[in-house]
């Protein structure tokens, strides 16, 4: 196979066009880095109503205009329009799946903004995305070596490739890689959806794409992809080994264990880098680490507490849901408030946590401040101005905040799981190695024990603390590293 690959990257969101979560960041950064490495990448994404055509110069492609397929009994007409994802060093061709009924008339991606419920026709919308991939390849005659699919919205692509298109010589050489970014969203629909797919009848079974009597897009991908990966090495092992990590699909995941890999996401060092970060009070680096203190002052000022260089500020930026470790935090809160520290929280999520933290902020106003919501500038200031970053997640496929923290010299205290286990190494005082503090047991007591250790070193041993900070700041989480690992997977796939 060639050393340079043709990769068709299929996703449901891409920065800067449209975003609901981390998938959009990966779908932008990874294709750009792959292209920089000399591979030919093209992206397919739906054209939602919120995407500005004029701003992004999205134009018609004659060969890809007014294509027709049937979804069940219904004739659907769509076009694939073209533009470029323009990065600092490269531009990647991107095709927008344009259909007014399913995508163009909706600004929201997966859920109805009025009801908060998922769109009832999400099955048809993402059947169309999968079918459009095959129309694109056929009409363009541009045949990729790999179709790289992401999350449940693309989950039917591997099933079509292995069944409906299995004997088509144009498609037989193509391999599929499926990346799991979030296992808990699976694309589950009633069995009657199967009739809309035009897939061969034998797939309408538990051996095919049904799971517990329903059609499951994610299960389809896990069953029919040539190779699967997820966004950290430890998490890829956890989901195959432990039932509680598998979101109900543990048996299927464990069967695919030998085809499962883990590659940690990179971070965008043009945005998350204290040397160039325009959103923080004072830029700094490992060479002038003392300037970090200016950000701590600005953070104190912003949150309305007294600045004291001797008292550590513990930062948290999190979605406020139980699996982010908030059950531990709630349980341990009275003990935490006895420690010599200040705690700052930024996040939004479950209403019960909104209520809990808001009342805790008035009860412990000298020790704890919170901002319920999200604020990008504040997120940067918390990363730069905190001394310690607390990340007690129960599960964490990859996690980005611990990586941001390391790069900003903000020492993480984290639960040993998923991407946290792969990036935060426990400090070892014998040889001064490690970049943070890690608790293995998912209990409030274990979390408090590690936090106390961190506070003790911060308060009593500035020299050791600086060593831990610098160990973190030397980390390399560039997307280039991750992209090279993806190329290794493509090589394995096509050899």
Protein backbone atom coordinates (compact mmCIF):
# COMPACT_ATOMS: atom_id res chain seq x y z
CA UNK A 1 0.00 0.00 0.00
CA UNK A 2 1.16 3.59 -0.51
CA UNK A 3 3.08 5.39 2.22
CA UNK A 4 0.79 8.36 1.64
CA UNK A 5 -2.89 7.63 2.16
CA UNK A 6 -6.14 8.95 0.80
CA UNK A 7 -8.44 9.41 3.78
CA UNK A 8 -12.13 10.26 3.73
CA UNK A 9 -12.97 11.63 7.18
CA UNK A 10 -16.70 11.38 8.00
CA UNK A 11 -18.05 13.32 10.97
CA UNK A 12 -21.15 15.17 12.20
CA UNK A 13 -19.36 18.35 13.35
CA UNK A 14 -16.18 20.32 12.52
CA UNK A 15 -14.69 23.53 13.98
CA UNK A 16 -14.94 26.38 12.85
CA UNK A 17 -18.16 25.50 10.97
CA UNK A 18 -20.26 23.87 13.70
CA UNK A 19 -19.64 22.46 17.20
CA UNK A 20 -21.36 20.88 20.18
CA UNK A 21 -18.35 19.17 21.77
CA UNK A 22 -14.81 17.80 21.51
CA UNK A 23 -15.60 15.78 18.35
CA UNK A 24 -15.67 19.04 16.38
CA UNK A 25 -12.17 19.97 17.58
CA UNK A 26 -10.73 16.56 16.68
CA UNK A 27 -12.47 16.63 13.28
CA UNK A 28 -10.69 19.88 12.49
CA UNK A 29 -7.23 19.34 14.02
CA UNK A 30 -6.58 15.74 12.96
CA UNK A 31 -7.35 16.11 9.21
CA UNK A 32 -5.15 19.23 9.08
CA UNK A 33 -2.21 17.45 10.69
CA UNK A 34 -2.65 14.38 8.45
CA UNK A 35 -2.60 16.65 5.41
CA UNK A 36 0.54 18.40 6.75
CA UNK A 37 2.16 14.95 6.94
CA UNK A 38 1.56 14.58 3.19
CA UNK A 39 -1.63 12.52 3.15
CA UNK A 40 -4.65 13.49 1.05
CA UNK A 41 -7.64 14.12 3.30
CA UNK A 42 -11.22 15.04 2.48
CA UNK A 43 -13.98 15.60 5.04
CA UNK A 44 -17.75 14.99 4.82
CA UNK A 45 -20.08 16.79 7.25
CA UNK A 46 -23.79 17.79 7.15
CA UNK A 47 -24.58 21.41 6.21
CA UNK A 48 -26.74 22.52 9.15
CA UNK A 49 -28.69 25.77 9.01
CA UNK A 50 -26.25 27.43 11.40
CA UNK A 51 -23.37 27.13 8.90
CA UNK A 52 -22.78 30.42 7.08
CA UNK A 53 -22.42 29.66 3.33
CA UNK A 54 -21.09 33.04 2.30
CA UNK A 55 -18.60 33.34 5.12
CA UNK A 56 -17.18 29.87 4.41
CA UNK A 57 -17.42 30.19 0.60
CA UNK A 58 -19.42 26.99 0.18
CA UNK A 59 -20.12 26.34 -3.50
CA UNK A 60 -21.89 23.90 -5.81
CA UNK A 61 -20.10 21.00 -7.50
CA UNK A 62 -21.94 20.15 -10.73
CA UNK A 63 -21.27 16.40 -10.49
CA UNK A 64 -22.52 16.32 -6.90
CA UNK A 65 -25.72 18.29 -7.38
CA UNK A 66 -29.28 16.94 -6.99
CA UNK A 67 -28.34 13.35 -6.17
CA UNK A 68 -31.25 11.00 -5.42
CA UNK A 69 -31.61 8.08 -3.04
CA UNK A 70 -34.52 6.41 -1.30
CA UNK A 71 -34.84 6.29 2.46
CA UNK A 72 -37.55 3.66 2.86
CA UNK A 73 -40.37 4.70 0.53
CA UNK A 74 -39.26 8.32 0.46
CA UNK A 75 -37.22 9.84 -2.36
CA UNK A 76 -34.56 12.18 -0.97
CA UNK A 77 -32.69 14.71 -3.11
CA UNK A 78 -29.43 16.14 -1.81
CA UNK A 79 -26.24 17.80 -2.98
CA UNK A 80 -22.67 17.70 -1.77
CA UNK A 81 -21.20 21.18 -1.81
CA UNK A 82 -17.57 22.06 -1.44
CA UNK A 83 -15.30 24.36 0.54
CA UNK A 84 -12.00 24.25 2.42
CA UNK A 85 -11.06 23.91 6.05
CA UNK A 86 -8.29 26.46 6.18
CA UNK A 87 -5.64 25.98 8.85
CA UNK A 88 -2.40 27.83 9.60
CA UNK A 89 -0.33 25.51 7.39
CA UNK A 90 -2.71 23.70 5.10
CA UNK A 91 -6.21 23.57 3.61
CA UNK A 92 -8.37 20.48 3.59
CA UNK A 93 -11.18 19.88 1.10
CA UNK A 94 -14.53 19.59 2.86
CA UNK A 95 -17.87 18.43 1.42
CA UNK A 96 -21.12 19.64 2.99
CA UNK A 97 -24.13 17.33 2.74
CA UNK A 98 -26.88 19.72 1.75
CA UNK A 99 -30.52 18.82 2.22
CA UNK A 100 -32.95 21.49 3.47
CA UNK A 101 -35.40 19.12 5.15
CA UNK A 102 -32.93 17.12 7.23
CA UNK A 103 -30.16 19.64 7.86
CA UNK A 104 -30.50 23.07 6.23
CA UNK A 105 -33.66 24.09 8.03
CA UNK A 106 -32.22 23.24 11.46
CA UNK A 107 -29.69 25.26 13.37
CA UNK A 108 -29.37 22.71 16.14
CA UNK A 109 -27.46 19.48 15.39
CA UNK A 110 -29.12 16.58 17.17
CA UNK A 111 -31.87 17.92 19.43
CA UNK A 112 -34.86 20.18 19.03
CA UNK A 113 -33.95 23.43 20.85
CA UNK A 114 -37.58 23.98 21.91
CA UNK A 115 -38.33 20.58 23.42
CA UNK A 116 -34.75 19.53 24.28
CA UNK A 117 -35.66 16.12 22.79
CA UNK A 118 -33.68 14.40 20.05
CA UNK A 119 -35.09 14.96 16.57
CA UNK A 120 -37.46 12.04 15.83
CA UNK A 121 -35.96 11.64 12.32
CA UNK A 122 -32.31 11.43 13.44
CA UNK A 123 -32.30 7.90 12.01
CA UNK A 124 -33.13 9.18 8.51
CA UNK A 125 -30.75 12.14 8.81
CA UNK A 126 -27.76 9.92 9.55
CA UNK A 127 -28.79 7.15 7.15
CA UNK A 128 -28.52 9.95 4.57
CA UNK A 129 -25.03 10.87 5.80
CA UNK A 130 -23.85 7.25 5.41
CA UNK A 131 -25.41 6.85 1.95
CA UNK A 132 -23.99 10.20 0.81
CA UNK A 133 -20.45 8.89 1.43
CA UNK A 134 -20.95 6.18 -1.21
CA UNK A 135 -22.53 8.60 -3.68
CA UNK A 136 -19.58 10.96 -3.20
CA UNK A 137 -16.98 8.29 -3.97
CA UNK A 138 -18.96 6.96 -6.95
CA UNK A 139 -19.63 10.35 -8.55
CA UNK A 140 -16.17 11.81 -7.95
CA UNK A 141 -14.21 8.66 -8.74
CA UNK A 142 -11.92 9.69 -5.85
CA UNK A 143 -11.44 6.38 -4.01
CA UNK A 144 -10.01 6.65 -0.50
CA UNK A 145 -7.75 3.99 1.04
CA UNK A 146 -9.48 4.54 4.38
CA UNK A 147 -12.86 5.86 5.41
CA UNK A 148 -12.35 7.22 8.93
CA UNK A 149 -15.72 7.30 10.76
CA UNK A 150 -16.46 9.10 14.04
CA UNK A 151 -19.16 8.35 16.63
CA UNK A 152 -22.63 6.90 16.15
CA UNK A 153 -23.76 9.36 13.47
CA UNK A 154 -21.40 7.63 11.01
CA UNK A 155 -22.00 4.13 12.36
CA UNK A 156 -23.80 2.70 9.30
CA UNK A 157 -20.93 3.43 6.87
CA UNK A 158 -18.95 0.25 7.75
CA UNK A 159 -22.14 -1.87 7.51
CA UNK A 160 -22.91 -0.59 3.99
CA UNK A 161 -19.31 -1.17 2.93
CA UNK A 162 -19.28 -4.76 4.19
CA UNK A 163 -22.71 -5.70 2.80
CA UNK A 164 -24.48 -3.61 0.14
CA UNK A 165 -21.18 -2.54 -1.50
CA UNK A 166 -19.14 -5.68 -0.69
CA UNK A 167 -19.02 -6.89 -4.32
CA UNK A 168 -18.51 -3.48 -5.93
CA UNK A 169 -14.89 -3.40 -7.23
CA UNK A 170 -14.73 0.35 -6.58
CA UNK A 171 -15.28 -0.21 -2.86
CA UNK A 172 -13.64 -3.59 -2.12
CA UNK A 173 -10.15 -2.16 -1.41
CA UNK A 174 -11.44 0.47 1.06
CA UNK A 175 -10.84 -0.11 4.79
CA UNK A 176 -12.69 1.50 7.69
CA UNK A 177 -11.45 2.89 10.98
CA UNK A 178 -14.09 3.85 13.55
CA UNK A 179 -13.19 6.25 16.37
CA UNK A 180 -15.26 6.20 19.56
CA UNK A 181 -15.33 9.67 21.11
CA UNK A 182 -18.36 9.02 23.30
CA UNK A 183 -19.73 5.53 24.00
CA UNK A 184 -22.82 6.69 25.84
CA UNK A 185 -24.48 8.18 22.73
CA UNK A 186 -25.29 5.22 20.49
CA UNK A 187 -27.97 6.18 17.97
CA UNK A 188 -30.70 3.79 19.12
CA UNK A 189 -33.91 3.60 17.07
CA UNK A 190 -36.88 1.26 16.77
CA UNK A 191 -36.52 -1.89 14.69
CA UNK A 192 -38.77 -0.38 12.00
CA UNK A 193 -35.88 1.97 11.08
CA UNK A 194 -34.13 -1.00 9.45
CA UNK A 195 -36.52 -0.87 6.48
CA UNK A 196 -35.30 2.66 5.73
CA UNK A 197 -31.63 1.64 5.39
CA UNK A 198 -31.86 -0.56 2.24
CA UNK A 199 -29.30 -2.86 3.89
CA UNK A 200 -29.46 -6.62 3.14
CA UNK A 201 -32.07 -8.48 5.22
CA UNK A 202 -29.51 -10.62 7.10
CA UNK A 203 -28.29 -7.51 8.93
CA UNK A 204 -31.71 -7.20 10.56
CA UNK A 205 -30.64 -9.44 13.44
CA UNK A 206 -28.71 -9.42 16.71
CA UNK A 207 -25.72 -10.72 14.75
CA UNK A 208 -26.12 -7.71 12.45
CA UNK A 209 -27.00 -4.18 13.48
CA UNK A 210 -29.80 -4.85 15.96
CA UNK A 211 -29.09 -4.77 19.67
CA UNK A 212 -31.70 -5.86 22.21
CA UNK A 213 -34.36 -5.64 19.49
CA UNK A 214 -33.51 -2.10 18.39
CA UNK A 215 -31.38 -0.69 15.62
CA UNK A 216 -28.13 0.61 17.13
CA UNK A 217 -25.85 2.73 14.92
CA UNK A 218 -22.88 2.41 17.27
CA UNK A 219 -23.21 -1.37 17.45
CA UNK A 220 -23.21 -1.38 13.63
CA UNK A 221 -19.85 0.41 13.62
CA UNK A 222 -18.35 -1.85 16.31
CA UNK A 223 -19.45 -4.95 14.38
CA UNK A 224 -18.47 -3.99 10.83
CA UNK A 225 -15.46 -1.64 11.08
CA UNK A 226 -12.10 -3.14 10.16
CA UNK A 227 -10.48 -1.42 13.11
CA UNK A 228 -11.67 0.60 16.11
CA UNK A 229 -9.94 3.13 18.27
CA UNK A 230 -10.80 5.38 21.14
CA UNK A 231 -9.24 8.51 22.52
CA UNK A 232 -6.79 7.13 25.08
CA UNK A 233 -4.91 3.89 25.56
CA UNK A 234 -6.17 3.12 29.07
CA UNK A 235 -9.79 3.81 28.10
CA UNK A 236 -9.50 1.44 25.10
CA UNK A 237 -8.53 -1.34 27.56
CA UNK A 238 -11.14 -0.37 30.18
CA UNK A 239 -14.07 -0.60 27.76
CA UNK A 240 -13.02 -4.09 26.65
CA UNK A 241 -12.27 -5.39 30.15
CA UNK A 242 -14.82 -3.90 32.52
CA UNK A 243 -18.57 -4.08 32.17
CA UNK A 244 -19.23 -0.72 33.86
CA UNK A 245 -17.20 1.12 31.19
CA UNK A 246 -18.97 -0.46 28.21
CA UNK A 247 -22.28 1.48 28.25
CA UNK A 248 -24.16 -1.77 27.71
CA UNK A 249 -22.01 -2.82 24.72
CA UNK A 250 -19.32 -4.59 26.73
CA UNK A 251 -19.76 -8.03 25.10
CA UNK A 252 -19.39 -6.59 21.60
CA UNK A 253 -16.40 -4.47 22.61
CA UNK A 254 -14.62 -7.41 24.27
CA UNK A 255 -15.09 -9.50 21.11
CA UNK A 256 -13.27 -6.78 19.13
CA UNK A 257 -10.44 -6.45 21.69
CA UNK A 258 -7.70 -7.41 19.21
CA UNK A 259 -8.87 -4.69 16.76
CA UNK A 260 -9.13 -1.98 19.44
CA UNK A 261 -6.49 0.75 19.89
CA UNK A 262 -6.14 3.91 21.93
CA UNK A 263 -4.70 7.24 20.75
CA UNK A 264 -4.83 10.25 23.04
CA UNK A 265 -6.21 13.44 21.47
CA UNK A 266 -3.82 16.29 20.95
CA UNK A 267 -4.42 19.83 22.13
CA UNK A 268 -4.33 22.95 19.99
CA UNK A 269 -1.12 24.67 21.04
CA UNK A 270 -2.02 27.83 19.15
CA UNK A 271 -4.89 28.29 21.64
CA UNK A 272 -3.83 26.45 24.80
CA UNK A 273 -0.31 27.62 25.43
CA UNK A 274 0.66 30.08 28.21
CA UNK A 275 3.37 31.63 26.01
CA UNK A 276 0.88 32.90 23.42
CA UNK A 277 -2.45 32.91 25.27
CA UNK A 278 -4.09 36.31 24.75
CA UNK A 279 -6.95 35.44 27.14
CA UNK A 280 -4.76 35.42 30.27
CA UNK A 281 -3.48 38.32 32.35
CA UNK A 282 0.22 37.64 31.83
CA UNK A 283 1.90 35.27 29.37
CA UNK A 284 4.61 33.00 30.78
CA UNK A 285 6.68 29.90 30.07
CA UNK A 286 8.90 27.40 31.84
CA UNK A 287 11.69 30.02 31.63
CA UNK A 288 9.78 32.72 33.54
CA UNK A 289 7.42 30.59 35.58
CA UNK A 290 7.14 33.34 38.22
CA UNK A 291 4.86 35.33 35.86
CA UNK A 292 2.17 32.70 36.44
CA UNK A 293 1.56 34.42 39.78
CA UNK A 294 0.12 37.48 37.99
CA UNK A 295 -2.66 35.25 36.69
CA UNK A 296 -3.36 34.00 40.22
CA UNK A 297 -3.81 37.64 41.29
CA UNK A 298 -6.16 38.30 38.36
CA UNK A 299 -8.16 35.17 39.21
CA UNK A 300 -8.51 36.26 42.86
CA UNK A 301 -9.68 39.64 41.65
CA UNK A 302 -12.18 38.09 39.21
CA UNK A 303 -13.69 35.74 41.79
CA UNK A 304 -13.61 38.28 44.61
CA UNK A 305 -11.34 36.57 47.13
CA UNK A 306 -8.15 37.79 48.82
CA UNK A 307 -4.96 36.93 46.97
CA UNK A 308 -2.42 35.01 49.07
CA UNK A 309 0.57 33.42 47.39
CA UNK A 310 0.95 30.93 50.28
CA UNK A 311 -2.57 29.50 49.92
CA UNK A 312 -3.07 27.23 46.90
CA UNK A 313 -5.98 27.88 44.55
CA UNK A 314 -7.58 24.63 43.37
CA UNK A 315 -9.38 25.02 40.03
CA UNK A 316 -12.08 22.87 38.45
CA UNK A 317 -13.62 23.23 34.99
CA UNK A 318 -16.15 20.51 34.37
CA UNK A 319 -19.51 19.51 33.06
CA UNK A 320 -21.51 19.09 36.26
CA UNK A 321 -22.51 15.43 36.07
CA UNK A 322 -21.96 12.58 38.47
CA UNK A 323 -19.52 10.69 36.22
CA UNK A 324 -17.18 13.70 36.38
CA UNK A 325 -16.59 12.82 40.05
CA UNK A 326 -19.04 15.32 41.45
CA UNK A 327 -20.60 12.71 43.75
CA UNK A 328 -17.17 12.48 45.45
CA UNK A 329 -16.89 16.24 45.64
CA UNK A 330 -20.35 16.66 47.16
CA UNK A 331 -19.70 13.96 49.74
CA UNK A 332 -16.28 15.36 50.69
CA UNK A 333 -17.26 19.03 50.63
CA UNK A 334 -17.27 19.72 54.41
CA UNK A 335 -13.80 18.10 54.74
CA UNK A 336 -12.50 19.97 51.68
CA UNK A 337 -13.56 23.25 53.25
CA UNK A 338 -11.31 22.50 56.26
CA UNK A 339 -8.19 22.32 54.07
CA UNK A 340 -5.86 25.29 53.64
CA UNK A 341 -6.91 26.11 50.07
CA UNK A 342 -9.37 28.03 47.92
CA UNK A 343 -11.60 26.13 45.50
CA UNK A 344 -12.91 27.61 42.24
CA UNK A 345 -15.39 25.90 39.94
CA UNK A 346 -16.61 26.69 36.43
CA UNK A 347 -19.23 24.52 34.77
CA UNK A 348 -22.80 23.70 33.95
CA UNK A 349 -24.87 20.51 33.88
CA UNK A 350 -27.18 18.71 36.26
CA UNK A 351 -29.58 21.08 38.08
CA UNK A 352 -29.02 19.31 41.42
CA UNK A 353 -25.33 20.27 41.26
CA UNK A 354 -26.17 23.85 40.24
CA UNK A 355 -28.21 24.04 43.44
CA UNK A 356 -25.61 22.34 45.62
CA UNK A 357 -22.67 24.51 44.50
CA UNK A 358 -24.64 27.76 44.57
CA UNK A 359 -25.62 27.18 48.18
CA UNK A 360 -22.08 25.99 49.09
CA UNK A 361 -20.70 29.24 47.63
CA UNK A 362 -22.75 31.32 50.05
CA UNK A 363 -22.06 29.01 53.01
CA UNK A 364 -18.29 28.90 52.45
CA UNK A 365 -17.82 32.25 50.70
CA UNK A 366 -14.28 32.71 52.08
CA UNK A 367 -13.15 29.35 50.67
CA UNK A 368 -15.25 28.50 47.61
CA UNK A 369 -16.46 30.38 44.53
CA UNK A 370 -18.36 29.06 41.55
CA UNK A 371 -19.54 30.28 38.17
CA UNK A 372 -22.44 28.21 36.84
CA UNK A 373 -22.30 28.45 33.06
CA UNK A 374 -19.46 28.51 30.60
CA UNK A 375 -17.02 31.28 29.81
CA UNK A 376 -14.04 30.66 27.51
CA UNK A 377 -11.94 33.54 28.90
CA UNK A 378 -12.55 32.43 32.45
CA UNK A 379 -11.57 28.86 31.53
CA UNK A 380 -8.18 30.15 30.33
CA UNK A 381 -7.73 32.29 33.46
CA UNK A 382 -8.56 29.33 35.76
CA UNK A 383 -5.99 27.15 33.95
CA UNK A 384 -3.33 29.87 34.21
CA UNK A 385 -4.18 31.23 37.67
CA UNK A 386 -4.79 28.05 39.70
CA UNK A 387 -1.98 26.20 41.47
CA UNK A 388 -3.74 22.82 41.45
CA UNK A 389 -6.38 21.39 39.09
CA UNK A 390 -8.82 18.84 40.47
CA UNK A 391 -10.20 16.24 38.05
CA UNK A 392 -11.89 13.37 39.93
CA UNK A 393 -13.76 11.85 36.93
CA UNK A 394 -15.21 8.37 37.38
CA UNK A 395 -14.61 7.69 33.65
CA UNK A 396 -12.66 9.85 31.23
CA UNK A 397 -12.21 8.67 27.61
CA UNK A 398 -9.51 11.29 27.00
CA UNK A 399 -9.92 14.49 28.99
CA UNK A 400 -8.41 17.78 27.84
CA UNK A 401 -8.33 19.90 30.98
CA UNK A 402 -5.63 17.82 32.64
CA UNK A 403 -3.47 18.36 29.53
CA UNK A 404 -4.14 22.10 29.51
CA UNK A 405 -3.26 22.17 33.22
CA UNK A 406 0.04 20.36 32.74
CA UNK A 407 1.09 22.73 29.96
CA UNK A 408 0.13 25.75 32.13
CA UNK A 409 2.12 24.47 35.14
CA UNK A 410 -1.09 23.88 37.11
CA UNK A 411 -0.56 20.59 38.91
CA UNK A 412 -3.39 18.03 38.43
CA UNK A 413 -4.90 15.87 41.15
CA UNK A 414 -6.77 13.20 39.20
CA UNK A 415 -8.48 9.81 39.42
CA UNK A 416 -6.54 7.03 37.71
CA UNK A 417 -8.86 6.29 34.77
CA UNK A 418 -8.87 6.56 30.96
CA UNK A 419 -6.95 9.49 29.51
CA UNK A 420 -6.15 10.80 33.00
CA UNK A 421 -4.15 7.64 33.73
CA UNK A 422 -2.26 8.11 30.44
CA UNK A 423 -1.29 11.74 30.99
CA UNK A 424 -0.99 12.39 34.75
CA UNK A 425 1.96 10.54 36.29
CA UNK A 426 2.13 10.43 40.11
CA UNK A 427 4.97 12.48 41.59
CA UNK A 428 7.80 10.33 42.96
CA UNK A 429 9.91 12.14 45.56
CA UNK A 430 12.77 9.59 45.28
CA UNK A 431 13.72 10.63 41.74
CA UNK A 432 11.61 13.80 41.29
CA UNK A 433 9.68 12.25 38.39
CA UNK A 434 5.95 12.64 37.70
CA UNK A 435 3.77 15.64 37.00
CA UNK A 436 0.79 15.36 39.37
CA UNK A 437 -1.09 13.42 42.04
CA UNK A 438 -3.22 10.37 41.28
CA UNK A 439 -5.77 8.48 43.38
CA UNK A 440 -6.55 4.89 42.39
CA UNK A 441 -9.67 4.11 44.44
CA UNK A 442 -12.78 6.03 43.43
CA UNK A 443 -13.58 7.27 46.96
CA UNK A 444 -13.77 10.67 48.65
CA UNK A 445 -11.10 9.57 51.10
CA UNK A 446 -8.58 8.70 48.34
CA UNK A 447 -9.26 12.01 46.62
CA UNK A 448 -8.77 14.04 49.82
CA UNK A 449 -5.57 12.12 50.67
CA UNK A 450 -3.94 13.07 47.35
CA UNK A 451 -5.18 16.65 47.57
CA UNK A 452 -3.65 16.95 51.06
CA UNK A 453 -0.32 15.62 49.71
CA UNK A 454 -0.35 18.27 46.99
CA UNK A 455 -1.25 21.09 49.41
CA UNK A 456 1.49 19.99 51.82
CA UNK A 457 4.22 20.16 49.15
CA UNK A 458 2.87 23.44 47.78
CA UNK A 459 2.92 25.01 51.27
CA UNK A 460 6.19 23.60 52.63
CA UNK A 461 8.49 22.86 49.71
CA UNK A 462 8.43 25.45 46.94
CA UNK A 463 11.44 23.90 45.18
CA UNK A 464 9.81 20.46 44.83
CA UNK A 465 6.57 22.14 43.75
CA UNK A 466 8.40 23.97 40.94
CA UNK A 467 9.93 20.65 39.84
CA UNK A 468 6.45 19.10 39.55
CA UNK A 469 5.17 22.16 37.64
CA UNK A 470 8.11 22.05 35.22
CA UNK A 471 7.73 18.30 34.66
CA UNK A 472 4.18 19.03 33.48
CA UNK A 473 5.18 22.01 31.35
CA UNK A 474 7.63 19.82 29.39
CA UNK A 475 4.73 17.65 28.14
CA UNK A 476 4.19 17.39 24.41
CA UNK A 477 0.51 16.94 23.58
CA UNK A 478 0.76 18.20 20.03
CA UNK A 479 -1.68 16.96 17.41
CA UNK A 480 1.33 16.02 15.30
CA UNK A 481 2.18 13.21 17.76
CA UNK A 482 -1.40 11.91 17.66
CA UNK A 483 -1.63 12.21 13.86
CA UNK A 484 1.50 10.07 13.44
CA UNK A 485 -0.12 7.37 15.57
CA UNK A 486 -3.22 7.48 13.36
CA UNK A 487 -0.97 7.00 10.32
CA UNK A 488 0.47 3.88 12.04
CA UNK A 489 -3.10 2.54 12.38
CA UNK A 490 -3.83 3.27 8.69
CA UNK A 491 -0.65 1.36 7.82
CA UNK A 492 -1.75 -1.65 9.93
CA UNK A 493 -5.16 -1.50 8.26
CA UNK A 494 -3.91 -1.47 4.69
CA UNK A 495 -0.89 -3.77 4.90
